[in-house]
PDB file of N, CA and C in Angstrom:
ATOM      1  N   MET A   1    -120.460  73.449 -58.751  1.00  0.00           N
ATOM      2  CA  MET A   1    -120.988  73.014 -57.488  1.00  0.00           C
ATOM      3  C   MET A   1    -121.016  71.500 -57.362  1.00  0.00           C
ATOM      4  N   SER A   2    -121.376  70.817 -58.448  1.00  0.00           N
ATOM      5  CA  SER A   2    -121.424  69.361 -58.378  1.00  0.00           C
ATOM      6  C   SER A   2    -120.074  68.787 -58.762  1.00  0.00           C
ATOM      7  N   GLN A   3    -119.823  67.617 -58.267  1.00  0.00           N
ATOM      8  CA  GLN A   3    -118.552  66.965 -58.545  1.00  0.00           C
ATOM      9  C   GLN A   3    -118.637  66.275 -59.902  1.00  0.00           C
ATOM     10  N   SER A   4    -117.550  66.330 -60.659  1.00  0.00           N
ATOM     11  CA  SER A   4    -117.564  65.701 -61.973  1.00  0.00           C
ATOM     12  C   SER A   4    -117.627  64.190 -61.820  1.00  0.00           C
ATOM     13  N   PRO A   5    -118.470  63.502 -62.609  1.00  0.00           N
ATOM     14  CA  PRO A   5    -118.659  62.064 -62.455  1.00  0.00           C
ATOM     15  C   PRO A   5    -117.471  61.228 -62.908  1.00  0.00           C
ATOM     16  N   ASP A   6    -116.544  61.796 -63.695  1.00  0.00           N
ATOM     17  CA  ASP A   6    -115.429  61.002 -64.197  1.00  0.00           C
ATOM     18  C   ASP A   6    -114.279  60.882 -63.207  1.00  0.00           C
ATOM     19  N   VAL A   7    -114.323  61.591 -62.085  1.00  0.00           N
ATOM     20  CA  VAL A   7    -113.269  61.525 -61.077  1.00  0.00           C
ATOM     21  C   VAL A   7    -113.748  60.620 -59.943  1.00  0.00           C
ATOM     22  N   PRO A   8    -113.181  59.401 -59.839  1.00  0.00           N
ATOM     23  CA  PRO A   8    -113.598  58.513 -58.746  1.00  0.00           C
ATOM     24  C   PRO A   8    -113.069  59.022 -57.408  1.00  0.00           C
ATOM     25  N   ARG A   9    -113.911  58.998 -56.409  1.00  0.00           N
ATOM     26  CA  ARG A   9    -113.508  59.423 -55.067  1.00  0.00           C
ATOM     27  C   ARG A   9    -113.120  58.212 -54.250  1.00  0.00           C
ATOM     28  N   GLU A  10    -112.077  58.387 -53.452  1.00  0.00           N
ATOM     29  CA  GLU A  10    -111.689  57.324 -52.525  1.00  0.00           C
ATOM     30  C   GLU A  10    -112.655  57.306 -51.353  1.00  0.00           C
ATOM     31  N   PRO A  11    -112.930  56.136 -50.827  1.00  0.00           N
ATOM     32  CA  PRO A  11    -113.800  56.101 -49.653  1.00  0.00           C
ATOM     33  C   PRO A  11    -113.098  56.745 -48.456  1.00  0.00           C
ATOM     34  N   VAL A  12    -113.855  57.463 -47.678  1.00  0.00           N
ATOM     35  CA  VAL A  12    -113.288  58.118 -46.498  1.00  0.00           C
ATOM     36  C   VAL A  12    -113.010  57.089 -45.417  1.00  0.00           C
ATOM     37  N   VAL A  13    -113.891  56.103 -45.291  1.00  0.00           N
ATOM     38  CA  VAL A  13    -113.696  55.039 -44.309  1.00  0.00           C
ATOM     39  C   VAL A  13    -113.051  53.855 -45.024  1.00  0.00           C
ATOM     40  N   THR A  14    -111.794  53.621 -44.695  1.00  0.00           N
ATOM     41  CA  THR A  14    -111.057  52.509 -45.275  1.00  0.00           C
ATOM     42  C   THR A  14    -110.746  51.500 -44.170  1.00  0.00           C
ATOM     43  N   PRO A  15    -110.397  50.282 -44.531  1.00  0.00           N
ATOM     44  CA  PRO A  15    -110.034  49.302 -43.483  1.00  0.00           C
ATOM     45  C   PRO A  15    -108.900  49.785 -42.585  1.00  0.00           C
ATOM     46  N   MET A  16    -107.923  50.492 -43.159  1.00  0.00           N
ATOM     47  CA  MET A  16    -106.817  50.981 -42.339  1.00  0.00           C
ATOM     48  C   MET A  16    -107.314  52.018 -41.339  1.00  0.00           C
ATOM     49  N   ARG A  17    -108.232  52.868 -41.752  1.00  0.00           N
ATOM     50  CA  ARG A  17    -108.759  53.879 -40.838  1.00  0.00           C
ATOM     51  C   ARG A  17    -109.617  53.254 -39.748  1.00  0.00           C
ATOM     52  N   VAL A  18    -110.261  52.146 -40.036  1.00  0.00           N
ATOM     53  CA  VAL A  18    -111.024  51.428 -39.008  1.00  0.00           C
ATOM     54  C   VAL A  18    -110.060  50.871 -37.959  1.00  0.00           C
ATOM     55  N   VAL A  19    -108.938  50.310 -38.404  1.00  0.00           N
ATOM     56  CA  VAL A  19    -107.930  49.790 -37.469  1.00  0.00           C
ATOM     57  C   VAL A  19    -107.361  50.930 -36.633  1.00  0.00           C
ATOM     58  N   ILE A  20    -107.099  52.076 -37.251  1.00  0.00           N
ATOM     59  CA  ILE A  20    -106.599  53.241 -36.521  1.00  0.00           C
ATOM     60  C   ILE A  20    -107.597  53.646 -35.445  1.00  0.00           C
ATOM     61  N   GLY A  21    -108.861  53.692 -35.815  1.00  0.00           N
ATOM     62  CA  GLY A  21    -109.899  54.051 -34.851  1.00  0.00           C
ATOM     63  C   GLY A  21    -109.979  53.068 -33.696  1.00  0.00           C
ATOM     64  N   LEU A  22    -109.846  51.788 -33.998  1.00  0.00           N
ATOM     65  CA  LEU A  22    -109.876  50.772 -32.937  1.00  0.00           C
ATOM     66  C   LEU A  22    -108.677  50.910 -32.006  1.00  0.00           C
ATOM     67  N   CYS A  23    -107.514  51.199 -32.572  1.00  0.00           N
ATOM     68  CA  CYS A  23    -106.317  51.381 -31.747  1.00  0.00           C
ATOM     69  C   CYS A  23    -106.496  52.529 -30.754  1.00  0.00           C
ATOM     70  N   LEU A  24    -107.227  53.550 -31.148  1.00  0.00           N
ATOM     71  CA  LEU A  24    -107.443  54.689 -30.265  1.00  0.00           C
ATOM     72  C   LEU A  24    -108.645  54.496 -29.341  1.00  0.00           C
ATOM     73  N   PHE A  25    -109.595  53.678 -29.744  1.00  0.00           N
ATOM     74  CA  PHE A  25    -110.831  53.497 -28.993  1.00  0.00           C
ATOM     75  C   PHE A  25    -110.700  52.461 -27.876  1.00  0.00           C
ATOM     76  N   VAL A  26    -109.926  51.416 -28.087  1.00  0.00           N
ATOM     77  CA  VAL A  26    -109.816  50.315 -27.120  1.00  0.00           C
ATOM     78  C   VAL A  26    -109.314  50.788 -25.750  1.00  0.00           C
ATOM     79  N   PRO A  27    -108.229  51.573 -25.653  1.00  0.00           N
ATOM     80  CA  PRO A  27    -107.798  52.020 -24.321  1.00  0.00           C
ATOM     81  C   PRO A  27    -108.837  52.901 -23.631  1.00  0.00           C
ATOM     82  N   PHE A  28    -109.530  53.702 -24.416  1.00  0.00           N
ATOM     83  CA  PHE A  28    -110.568  54.571 -23.874  1.00  0.00           C
ATOM     84  C   PHE A  28    -111.658  53.743 -23.205  1.00  0.00           C
ATOM     85  N   VAL A  29    -112.125  52.720 -23.886  1.00  0.00           N
ATOM     86  CA  VAL A  29    -113.171  51.851 -23.335  1.00  0.00           C
ATOM     87  C   VAL A  29    -112.648  51.072 -22.133  1.00  0.00           C
ATOM     88  N   ALA A  30    -111.414  50.593 -22.227  1.00  0.00           N
ATOM     89  CA  ALA A  30    -110.846  49.802 -21.131  1.00  0.00           C
ATOM     90  C   ALA A  30    -110.786  50.606 -19.836  1.00  0.00           C
ATOM     91  N   MET A  31    -110.486  51.897 -19.930  1.00  0.00           N
ATOM     92  CA  MET A  31    -110.413  52.714 -18.723  1.00  0.00           C
ATOM     93  C   MET A  31    -111.790  53.179 -18.251  1.00  0.00           C
ATOM     94  N   LEU A  32    -112.757  53.285 -19.155  1.00  0.00           N
ATOM     95  CA  LEU A  32    -114.103  53.679 -18.739  1.00  0.00           C
ATOM     96  C   LEU A  32    -114.875  52.536 -18.089  1.00  0.00           C
ATOM     97  N   TRP A  33    -114.509  51.307 -18.385  1.00  0.00           N
ATOM     98  CA  TRP A  33    -115.192  50.138 -17.837  1.00  0.00           C
ATOM     99  C   TRP A  33    -114.587  49.828 -16.463  1.00  0.00           C
ATOM    100  N   VAL A  34    -114.883  50.651 -15.491  1.00  0.00           N
ATOM    101  CA  VAL A  34    -114.268  50.585 -14.164  1.00  0.00           C
ATOM    102  C   VAL A  34    -114.584  49.276 -13.458  1.00  0.00           C
ATOM    103  N   GLY A  35    -115.778  48.736 -13.660  1.00  0.00           N
ATOM    104  CA  GLY A  35    -116.157  47.492 -12.989  1.00  0.00           C
ATOM    105  C   GLY A  35    -115.240  46.325 -13.313  1.00  0.00           C
ATOM    106  N   SER A  36    -114.536  46.399 -14.433  1.00  0.00           N
ATOM    107  CA  SER A  36    -113.644  45.297 -14.807  1.00  0.00           C
ATOM    108  C   SER A  36    -112.338  45.291 -14.008  1.00  0.00           C
ATOM    109  N   TYR A  37    -111.965  46.432 -13.429  1.00  0.00           N
ATOM    110  CA  TYR A  37    -110.691  46.475 -12.711  1.00  0.00           C
ATOM    111  C   TYR A  37    -110.795  47.072 -11.305  1.00  0.00           C
ATOM    112  N   ALA A  38    -111.978  47.297 -10.801  1.00  0.00           N
ATOM    113  CA  ALA A  38    -112.144  47.857  -9.456  1.00  0.00           C
ATOM    114  C   ALA A  38    -112.110  46.743  -8.417  1.00  0.00           C
ATOM    115  N   LYS A  39    -110.936  46.140  -8.268  1.00  0.00           N
ATOM    116  CA  LYS A  39    -110.751  45.060  -7.288  1.00  0.00           C
ATOM    117  C   LYS A  39    -109.285  45.014  -6.889  1.00  0.00           C
ATOM    118  N   THR A  40    -108.982  44.263  -5.864  1.00  0.00           N
ATOM    119  CA  THR A  40    -107.592  44.190  -5.392  1.00  0.00           C
ATOM    120  C   THR A  40    -106.884  42.917  -5.829  1.00  0.00           C
ATOM    121  N   ASP A  41    -107.627  41.860  -6.101  1.00  0.00           N
ATOM    122  CA  ASP A  41    -107.006  40.589  -6.506  1.00  0.00           C
ATOM    123  C   ASP A  41    -107.196  40.368  -7.989  1.00  0.00           C
ATOM    124  N   PRO A  42    -106.277  39.793  -8.691  1.00  0.00           N
ATOM    125  CA  PRO A  42    -105.008  39.224  -8.254  1.00  0.00           C
ATOM    126  C   PRO A  42    -103.919  40.292  -8.102  1.00  0.00           C
ATOM    127  N   GLN A  43    -103.070  40.072  -7.147  1.00  0.00           N
ATOM    128  CA  GLN A  43    -101.963  40.995  -6.935  1.00  0.00           C
ATOM    129  C   GLN A  43    -100.763  40.571  -7.777  1.00  0.00           C
ATOM    130  N   PHE A  44     -99.967  41.550  -8.153  1.00  0.00           N
ATOM    131  CA  PHE A  44     -98.739  41.301  -8.910  1.00  0.00           C
ATOM    132  C   PHE A  44     -97.592  41.927  -8.133  1.00  0.00           C
ATOM    133  N   ILE A  45     -96.663  41.131  -7.671  1.00  0.00           N
ATOM    134  CA  ILE A  45     -95.545  41.516  -6.803  1.00  0.00           C
ATOM    135  C   ILE A  45     -95.999  42.445  -5.670  1.00  0.00           C
ATOM    136  N   GLY A  46     -97.134  42.116  -5.085  1.00  0.00           N
ATOM    137  CA  GLY A  46     -97.658  42.861  -3.947  1.00  0.00           C
ATOM    138  C   GLY A  46     -98.465  44.096  -4.306  1.00  0.00           C
ATOM    139  N   ILE A  47     -98.620  44.370  -5.600  1.00  0.00           N
ATOM    140  CA  ILE A  47     -99.374  45.547  -6.038  1.00  0.00           C
ATOM    141  C   ILE A  47    -100.804  45.109  -6.361  1.00  0.00           C
ATOM    142  N   PRO A  48    -101.803  45.760  -5.777  1.00  0.00           N
ATOM    143  CA  PRO A  48    -103.189  45.389  -6.062  1.00  0.00           C
ATOM    144  C   PRO A  48    -103.524  45.517  -7.560  1.00  0.00           C
ATOM    145  N   PHE A  49    -104.440  44.688  -7.993  1.00  0.00           N
ATOM    146  CA  PHE A  49    -104.839  44.633  -9.403  1.00  0.00           C
ATOM    147  C   PHE A  49    -105.223  46.000  -9.947  1.00  0.00           C
ATOM    148  N   PHE A  50    -105.973  46.767  -9.154  1.00  0.00           N
ATOM    149  CA  PHE A  50    -106.435  48.086  -9.596  1.00  0.00           C
ATOM    150  C   PHE A  50    -105.272  48.928 -10.113  1.00  0.00           C
ATOM    151  N   TYR A  51    -104.148  48.936  -9.433  1.00  0.00           N
ATOM    152  CA  TYR A  51    -103.022  49.797  -9.799  1.00  0.00           C
ATOM    153  C   TYR A  51    -102.214  49.226 -10.958  1.00  0.00           C
ATOM    154  N   TRP A  52    -101.896  47.919 -10.904  1.00  0.00           N
ATOM    155  CA  TRP A  52    -101.054  47.408 -11.978  1.00  0.00           C
ATOM    156  C   TRP A  52    -101.818  47.294 -13.288  1.00  0.00           C
ATOM    157  N   TYR A  53    -103.127  47.120 -13.241  1.00  0.00           N
ATOM    158  CA  TYR A  53    -103.945  47.095 -14.455  1.00  0.00           C
ATOM    159  C   TYR A  53    -103.912  48.461 -15.144  1.00  0.00           C
ATOM    160  N   GLN A  54    -104.055  49.526 -14.359  1.00  0.00           N
ATOM    161  CA  GLN A  54    -104.003  50.864 -14.944  1.00  0.00           C
ATOM    162  C   GLN A  54    -102.627  51.181 -15.500  1.00  0.00           C
ATOM    163  N   MET A  55    -101.591  50.774 -14.821  1.00  0.00           N
ATOM    164  CA  MET A  55    -100.237  51.032 -15.316  1.00  0.00           C
ATOM    165  C   MET A  55     -99.954  50.224 -16.578  1.00  0.00           C
ATOM    166  N   LEU A  56    -100.498  49.026 -16.651  1.00  0.00           N
ATOM    167  CA  LEU A  56    -100.368  48.225 -17.866  1.00  0.00           C
ATOM    168  C   LEU A  56    -101.024  48.943 -19.045  1.00  0.00           C
ATOM    169  N   TRP A  57    -102.182  49.549 -18.799  1.00  0.00           N
ATOM    170  CA  TRP A  57    -102.870  50.270 -19.874  1.00  0.00           C
ATOM    171  C   TRP A  57    -102.141  51.537 -20.288  1.00  0.00           C
ATOM    172  N   VAL A  58    -101.339  52.116 -19.410  1.00  0.00           N
ATOM    173  CA  VAL A  58    -100.509  53.253 -19.816  1.00  0.00           C
ATOM    174  C   VAL A  58     -99.542  52.797 -20.906  1.00  0.00           C
ATOM    175  N   LEU A  59     -98.922  51.648 -20.693  1.00  0.00           N
ATOM    176  CA  LEU A  59     -97.987  51.121 -21.685  1.00  0.00           C
ATOM    177  C   LEU A  59     -98.707  50.672 -22.956  1.00  0.00           C
ATOM    178  N   LEU A  60     -99.817  49.955 -22.792  1.00  0.00           N
ATOM    179  CA  LEU A  60    -100.574  49.491 -23.956  1.00  0.00           C
ATOM    180  C   LEU A  60    -101.124  50.655 -24.773  1.00  0.00           C
ATOM    181  N   SER A  61    -101.592  51.687 -24.094  1.00  0.00           N
ATOM    182  CA  SER A  61    -102.118  52.862 -24.794  1.00  0.00           C
ATOM    183  C   SER A  61    -101.024  53.553 -25.598  1.00  0.00           C
ATOM    184  N   THR A  62     -99.838  53.604 -25.034  1.00  0.00           N
ATOM    185  CA  THR A  62     -98.713  54.190 -25.753  1.00  0.00           C
ATOM    186  C   THR A  62     -98.413  53.400 -27.018  1.00  0.00           C
ATOM    187  N   LEU A  63     -98.359  52.079 -26.892  1.00  0.00           N
ATOM    188  CA  LEU A  63     -98.081  51.238 -28.058  1.00  0.00           C
ATOM    189  C   LEU A  63     -99.181  51.340 -29.111  1.00  0.00           C
ATOM    190  N   LEU A  64    -100.426  51.349 -28.673  1.00  0.00           N
ATOM    191  CA  LEU A  64    -101.535  51.451 -29.611  1.00  0.00           C
ATOM    192  C   LEU A  64    -101.589  52.819 -30.296  1.00  0.00           C
ATOM    193  N   THR A  65    -101.255  53.871 -29.567  1.00  0.00           N
ATOM    194  CA  THR A  65    -101.228  55.209 -30.160  1.00  0.00           C
ATOM    195  C   THR A  65    -100.086  55.324 -31.165  1.00  0.00           C
ATOM    196  N   MET A  66     -98.935  54.761 -30.844  1.00  0.00           N
ATOM    197  CA  MET A  66     -97.816  54.756 -31.790  1.00  0.00           C
ATOM    198  C   MET A  66     -98.179  53.982 -33.053  1.00  0.00           C
ATOM    199  N   THR A  67     -98.842  52.856 -32.879  1.00  0.00           N
ATOM    200  CA  THR A  67     -99.277  52.050 -34.025  1.00  0.00           C
ATOM    201  C   THR A  67    -100.273  52.831 -34.874  1.00  0.00           C
ATOM    202  N   ALA A  68    -101.233  53.483 -34.226  1.00  0.00           N
ATOM    203  CA  ALA A  68    -102.217  54.279 -34.959  1.00  0.00           C
ATOM    204  C   ALA A  68    -101.531  55.399 -35.736  1.00  0.00           C
ATOM    205  N   TYR A  69    -100.560  56.048 -35.138  1.00  0.00           N
ATOM    206  CA  TYR A  69     -99.847  57.133 -35.812  1.00  0.00           C
ATOM    207  C   TYR A  69     -99.083  56.621 -37.029  1.00  0.00           C
ATOM    208  N   GLN A  70     -98.402  55.505 -36.867  1.00  0.00           N
ATOM    209  CA  GLN A  70     -97.657  54.947 -38.001  1.00  0.00           C
ATOM    210  C   GLN A  70     -98.585  54.512 -39.122  1.00  0.00           C
ATOM    211  N   LEU A  71     -99.725  53.921 -38.773  1.00  0.00           N
ATOM    212  CA  LEU A  71    -100.699  53.542 -39.789  1.00  0.00           C
ATOM    213  C   LEU A  71    -101.269  54.777 -40.480  1.00  0.00           C
ATOM    214  N   TRP A  72    -101.497  55.836 -39.727  1.00  0.00           N
ATOM    215  CA  TRP A  72    -102.005  57.079 -40.307  1.00  0.00           C
ATOM    216  C   TRP A  72    -100.983  57.662 -41.287  1.00  0.00           C
ATOM    217  N   GLN A  73     -99.719  57.655 -40.895  1.00  0.00           N
ATOM    218  CA  GLN A  73     -98.678  58.154 -41.796  1.00  0.00           C
ATOM    219  C   GLN A  73     -98.628  57.334 -43.078  1.00  0.00           C
ATOM    220  N   ARG A  74     -98.724  56.015 -42.950  1.00  0.00           N
ATOM    221  CA  ARG A  74     -98.725  55.138 -44.115  1.00  0.00           C
ATOM    222  C   ARG A  74     -99.943  55.419 -45.003  1.00  0.00           C
ATOM    223  N   ASP A  75    -101.092  55.622 -44.384  1.00  0.00           N
ATOM    224  CA  ASP A  75    -102.314  55.923 -45.126  1.00  0.00           C
ATOM    225  C   ASP A  75    -102.183  57.251 -45.868  1.00  0.00           C
ATOM    226  N   GLN A  76    -101.619  58.257 -45.212  1.00  0.00           N
ATOM    227  CA  GLN A  76    -101.456  59.561 -45.853  1.00  0.00           C
ATOM    228  C   GLN A  76    -100.471  59.503 -47.012  1.00  0.00           C
ATOM    229  N   ARG A  77     -99.392  58.735 -46.854  1.00  0.00           N
ATOM    230  CA  ARG A  77     -98.430  58.579 -47.964  1.00  0.00           C
ATOM    231  C   ARG A  77     -99.090  57.875 -49.144  1.00  0.00           C
ATOM    232  N   ALA A  78     -99.894  56.849 -48.855  1.00  0.00           N
ATOM    233  CA  ALA A  78    -100.574  56.122 -49.921  1.00  0.00           C
ATOM    234  C   ALA A  78    -101.582  57.017 -50.631  1.00  0.00           C
ATOM    235  N   ARG A  79    -102.306  57.827 -49.886  1.00  0.00           N
ATOM    236  CA  ARG A  79    -103.288  58.727 -50.485  1.00  0.00           C
ATOM    237  C   ARG A  79    -102.621  59.812 -51.304  1.00  0.00           C
ATOM    238  N   SER A  80    -101.502  60.360 -50.821  1.00  0.00           N
ATOM    239  CA  SER A  80    -100.831  61.407 -51.586  1.00  0.00           C
ATOM    240  C   SER A  80    -100.188  60.829 -52.840  1.00  0.00           C
ATOM    241  N   GLY A  81     -99.787  59.566 -52.787  1.00  0.00           N
ATOM    242  CA  GLY A  81     -99.231  58.911 -53.981  1.00  0.00           C
ATOM    243  C   GLY A  81    -100.284  58.696 -55.037  1.00  0.00           C
ATOM    244  N   LYS A  82    -101.511  58.387 -54.619  1.00  0.00           N
ATOM    245  CA  LYS A  82    -102.604  58.182 -55.581  1.00  0.00           C
ATOM    246  C   LYS A  82    -103.096  59.483 -56.171  1.00  0.00           C
ATOM    247  N   ASN A  83    -102.895  60.577 -55.453  1.00  0.00           N
ATOM    248  CA  ASN A  83    -103.374  61.888 -55.916  1.00  0.00           C
ATOM    249  C   ASN A  83    -102.324  62.626 -56.719  1.00  0.00           C
ATOM    250  N   GLY A  84    -101.279  61.956 -57.130  1.00  0.00           N
ATOM    251  CA  GLY A  84    -100.249  62.615 -57.912  1.00  0.00           C
ATOM    252  C   GLY A  84     -99.341  63.514 -57.106  1.00  0.00           C
ATOM    253  N   GLY A  85     -99.223  63.218 -55.822  1.00  0.00           N
ATOM    254  CA  GLY A  85     -98.315  63.985 -54.970  1.00  0.00           C
ATOM    255  C   GLY A  85     -98.938  65.215 -54.348  1.00  0.00           C
ATOM    256  N   THR A  86    -100.205  65.437 -54.556  1.00  0.00           N
ATOM    257  CA  THR A  86    -100.845  66.601 -53.944  1.00  0.00           C
ATOM    258  C   THR A  86    -101.428  66.205 -52.599  1.00  0.00           C
ATOM    259  N   ALA A  87    -101.331  67.136 -51.670  1.00  0.00           N
ATOM    260  CA  ALA A  87    -101.886  66.874 -50.338  1.00  0.00           C
ATOM    261  C   ALA A  87    -103.372  67.209 -50.329  1.00  0.00           C
ATOM    262  N   GLU A  88    -104.117  66.465 -49.498  1.00  0.00           N
ATOM    263  CA  GLU A  88    -105.546  66.747 -49.380  1.00  0.00           C
ATOM    264  C   GLU A  88    -105.815  67.731 -48.301  1.00  0.00           C
TER     265      GLU A  88
END
């Protein structure tokens, strides 16, 4: 039932996982904070700020999600390498 004391456990929260979490959390907060983009000025090529800001976040969210996924893959490869090739 108890874990053997001679086997060191890796921390569940690592700096890479914090970065992954931030990559996924930032777009969520940016879209929930409606007061920051509920306006028409400044316009970009005639498009009100409200619309082009949201479309910009579609692209940024895609890039941040791709980055989070790649970091997660790197983290999983590193963890499986430390565990002797066994998956957790």
